[in-house]
Structure formats: C-alpha cells, structure tokens
Amino acid sequence: MRTDDGTVLAQPRAAGFMLAVKRWPGAWRPMFEHDDHVGLMLPIIACSEAEEVEKLIAGRPQEVRYHVGRAYHHIPEAVCGIRDYCRHHQTSD
C-alpha cells in the first residue's frame, strides 16, 4: 500500500498476514521447522513485528539496521515464494 506521497505502508499487510499465521500455527509450522524455507517469512516478520525486531537489532552495525529497514522491498518475493511452497506441499500431501 502506498500513500499519496509514495510512502510504502507494508506494516498493516504484514501484521494481518502474521495474525493469520498465529491463528493457524499448525498450518505454518512446517515452514518454520524447515530451515531452508523459514527465510521466506523474514521480510514479513521484520515488518509486522517491527518493535520486537528493533529490540533484537539494537546495537548492531548500521548495515544490519539498514537491511532490516528495507525488508519491505522483499515482501513481494516472499509472498510468491510462500505461495509456491504451499502449492508444492499441498500437491505432495
């Protein structure tokens, strides 16, 4: 979502997505348990849990803070990756 001045507002969408993850944890558990797929969720987590992430990166080098601050740029890729992951696992179950 963008404001009239072009500012990207990813947090509301990311928070809604994570609300669904918290609501149905069993459906999402396999993705979190497989190290090779949990990275798909990181941009969404970084945006939805910004205050918690801020605590985790406090005192870290500026490059870490810069990277996390731009996590919203990776949400479209993450959503597509999550969709592909879910489609693959639905057909293989």
C-alpha atoms as a PDB file:
ATOM      1  CA  MET A   1       0.000   0.000   0.000  1.00  0.00           C
ATOM      2  CA  ARG A   2       1.286   3.484  -0.828  1.00  0.00           C
ATOM      3  CA  THR A   3       0.271   6.869   0.490  1.00  0.00           C
ATOM      4  CA  ASP A   4      -0.354   9.831  -1.798  1.00  0.00           C
ATOM      5  CA  ASP A   5       3.265  10.906  -1.378  1.00  0.00           C
ATOM      6  CA  GLY A   6       4.541   7.453  -2.412  1.00  0.00           C
ATOM      7  CA  THR A   7       5.429   6.163   1.050  1.00  0.00           C
ATOM      8  CA  VAL A   8       5.099   2.374   1.228  1.00  0.00           C
ATOM      9  CA  LEU A   9       2.993   1.091   4.136  1.00  0.00           C
ATOM     10  CA  ALA A  10       3.838  -2.593   4.417  1.00  0.00           C
ATOM     11  CA  GLN A  11       3.245  -2.988   8.145  1.00  0.00           C
ATOM     12  CA  PRO A  12      -0.586  -3.320   8.103  1.00  0.00           C
ATOM     13  CA  ARG A  13      -0.477  -6.061   5.467  1.00  0.00           C
ATOM     14  CA  ALA A  14       2.419  -7.849   7.170  1.00  0.00           C
ATOM     15  CA  ALA A  15       0.662  -7.656  10.550  1.00  0.00           C
ATOM     16  CA  GLY A  16      -2.503  -9.128   9.036  1.00  0.00           C
ATOM     17  CA  PHE A  17      -0.531 -11.945   7.471  1.00  0.00           C
ATOM     18  CA  MET A  18       1.207 -12.750  10.754  1.00  0.00           C
ATOM     19  CA  LEU A  19      -2.145 -12.664  12.554  1.00  0.00           C
ATOM     20  CA  ALA A  20      -3.257 -15.494  10.262  1.00  0.00           C
ATOM     21  CA  VAL A  21      -0.017 -17.370  10.968  1.00  0.00           C
ATOM     22  CA  LYS A  22      -0.627 -17.043  14.710  1.00  0.00           C
ATOM     23  CA  ARG A  23      -4.283 -18.049  14.291  1.00  0.00           C
ATOM     24  CA  TRP A  24      -3.434 -21.283  12.439  1.00  0.00           C
ATOM     25  CA  PRO A  25       0.031 -22.224  13.716  1.00  0.00           C
ATOM     26  CA  GLY A  26      -0.259 -25.865  12.677  1.00  0.00           C
ATOM     27  CA  ALA A  27      -0.625 -24.916   9.046  1.00  0.00           C
ATOM     28  CA  TRP A  28       2.544 -22.804   9.157  1.00  0.00           C
ATOM     29  CA  ARG A  29       4.674 -24.956  11.482  1.00  0.00           C
ATOM     30  CA  PRO A  30       6.300 -26.996   8.671  1.00  0.00           C
ATOM     31  CA  MET A  31       7.642 -23.849   7.044  1.00  0.00           C
ATOM     32  CA  PHE A  32       9.146 -22.645  10.316  1.00  0.00           C
ATOM     33  CA  GLU A  33      10.632 -26.058  11.062  1.00  0.00           C
ATOM     34  CA  HIS A  34      12.463 -26.320   7.729  1.00  0.00           C
ATOM     35  CA  ASP A  35      15.491 -24.048   7.829  1.00  0.00           C
ATOM     36  CA  ASP A  36      15.576 -23.752   4.057  1.00  0.00           C
ATOM     37  CA  HIS A  37      12.111 -22.160   3.932  1.00  0.00           C
ATOM     38  CA  VAL A  38      11.834 -20.033   7.081  1.00  0.00           C
ATOM     39  CA  GLY A  39      13.698 -17.235   5.297  1.00  0.00           C
ATOM     40  CA  LEU A  40      10.606 -16.644   3.192  1.00  0.00           C
ATOM     41  CA  MET A  41       8.864 -15.312   6.274  1.00  0.00           C
ATOM     42  CA  LEU A  42      11.638 -12.977   7.443  1.00  0.00           C
ATOM     43  CA  PRO A  43      10.658  -9.851   5.450  1.00  0.00           C
ATOM     44  CA  ILE A  44       7.082 -10.185   6.666  1.00  0.00           C
ATOM     45  CA  ILE A  45       8.156 -10.772  10.259  1.00  0.00           C
ATOM     46  CA  ALA A  46      10.511  -7.783  10.113  1.00  0.00           C
ATOM     47  CA  CYS A  47       7.639  -5.532   9.028  1.00  0.00           C
ATOM     48  CA  SER A  48       4.910  -6.928  11.242  1.00  0.00           C
ATOM     49  CA  GLU A  49       6.943  -7.185  14.424  1.00  0.00           C
ATOM     50  CA  ALA A  50       8.984  -4.019  13.936  1.00  0.00           C
ATOM     51  CA  GLU A  51       9.230  -3.152  17.635  1.00  0.00           C
ATOM     52  CA  GLU A  52      10.470  -6.634  18.549  1.00  0.00           C
ATOM     53  CA  VAL A  53      12.905  -6.680  15.643  1.00  0.00           C
ATOM     54  CA  GLU A  54      14.147  -3.241  16.702  1.00  0.00           C
ATOM     55  CA  LYS A  55      14.993  -4.660  20.136  1.00  0.00           C
ATOM     56  CA  LEU A  56      16.859  -7.578  18.554  1.00  0.00           C
ATOM     57  CA  ILE A  57      18.997  -5.396  16.311  1.00  0.00           C
ATOM     58  CA  ALA A  58      19.723  -2.651  18.841  1.00  0.00           C
ATOM     59  CA  GLY A  59      23.456  -2.076  18.973  1.00  0.00           C
ATOM     60  CA  ARG A  60      24.083  -3.988  15.743  1.00  0.00           C
ATOM     61  CA  PRO A  61      26.102  -2.407  12.933  1.00  0.00           C
ATOM     62  CA  GLN A  62      24.363   0.223  10.805  1.00  0.00           C
ATOM     63  CA  GLU A  63      24.372  -2.109   7.765  1.00  0.00           C
ATOM     64  CA  VAL A  64      22.196  -4.596   9.664  1.00  0.00           C
ATOM     65  CA  ARG A  65      19.756  -1.857  10.617  1.00  0.00           C
ATOM     66  CA  TYR A  66      19.697  -0.610   7.012  1.00  0.00           C
ATOM     67  CA  HIS A  67      18.999  -4.103   5.643  1.00  0.00           C
ATOM     68  CA  VAL A  68      16.180  -4.780   8.117  1.00  0.00           C
ATOM     69  CA  GLY A  69      14.723  -1.323   7.453  1.00  0.00           C
ATOM     70  CA  ARG A  70      14.379  -2.215   3.774  1.00  0.00           C
ATOM     71  CA  ALA A  71      12.804  -5.626   4.387  1.00  0.00           C
ATOM     72  CA  TYR A  72       9.512  -4.477   2.904  1.00  0.00           C
ATOM     73  CA  HIS A  73      11.174  -4.441  -0.524  1.00  0.00           C
ATOM     74  CA  HIS A  74      11.407  -8.235  -0.309  1.00  0.00           C
ATOM     75  CA  ILE A  75       7.780  -8.893   0.646  1.00  0.00           C
ATOM     76  CA  PRO A  76       6.564  -9.456  -2.950  1.00  0.00           C
ATOM     77  CA  GLU A  77       9.251 -12.110  -3.494  1.00  0.00           C
ATOM     78  CA  ALA A  78       8.455 -13.645  -0.118  1.00  0.00           C
ATOM     79  CA  VAL A  79       4.723 -13.842  -0.854  1.00  0.00           C
ATOM     80  CA  CYS A  80       5.393 -15.538  -4.197  1.00  0.00           C
ATOM     81  CA  GLY A  81       7.834 -17.936  -2.535  1.00  0.00           C
ATOM     82  CA  ILE A  82       5.344 -18.778   0.210  1.00  0.00           C
ATOM     83  CA  ARG A  83       2.630 -19.361  -2.405  1.00  0.00           C
ATOM     84  CA  ASP A  84       4.925 -21.703  -4.344  1.00  0.00           C
ATOM     85  CA  TYR A  85       5.916 -23.518  -1.147  1.00  0.00           C
ATOM     86  CA  CYS A  86       2.264 -24.017  -0.170  1.00  0.00           C
ATOM     87  CA  ARG A  87       1.244 -25.197  -3.639  1.00  0.00           C
ATOM     88  CA  HIS A  88       4.082 -27.703  -3.724  1.00  0.00           C
ATOM     89  CA  HIS A  89       3.237 -29.086  -0.286  1.00  0.00           C
ATOM     90  CA  GLN A  90      -0.494 -29.261  -0.981  1.00  0.00           C
ATOM     91  CA  THR A  91       0.078 -31.376  -4.063  1.00  0.00           C
ATOM     92  CA  SER A  92       2.618 -33.642  -2.368  1.00  0.00           C
ATOM     93  CA  ASP A  93       0.449 -34.391   0.704  1.00  0.00           C
END
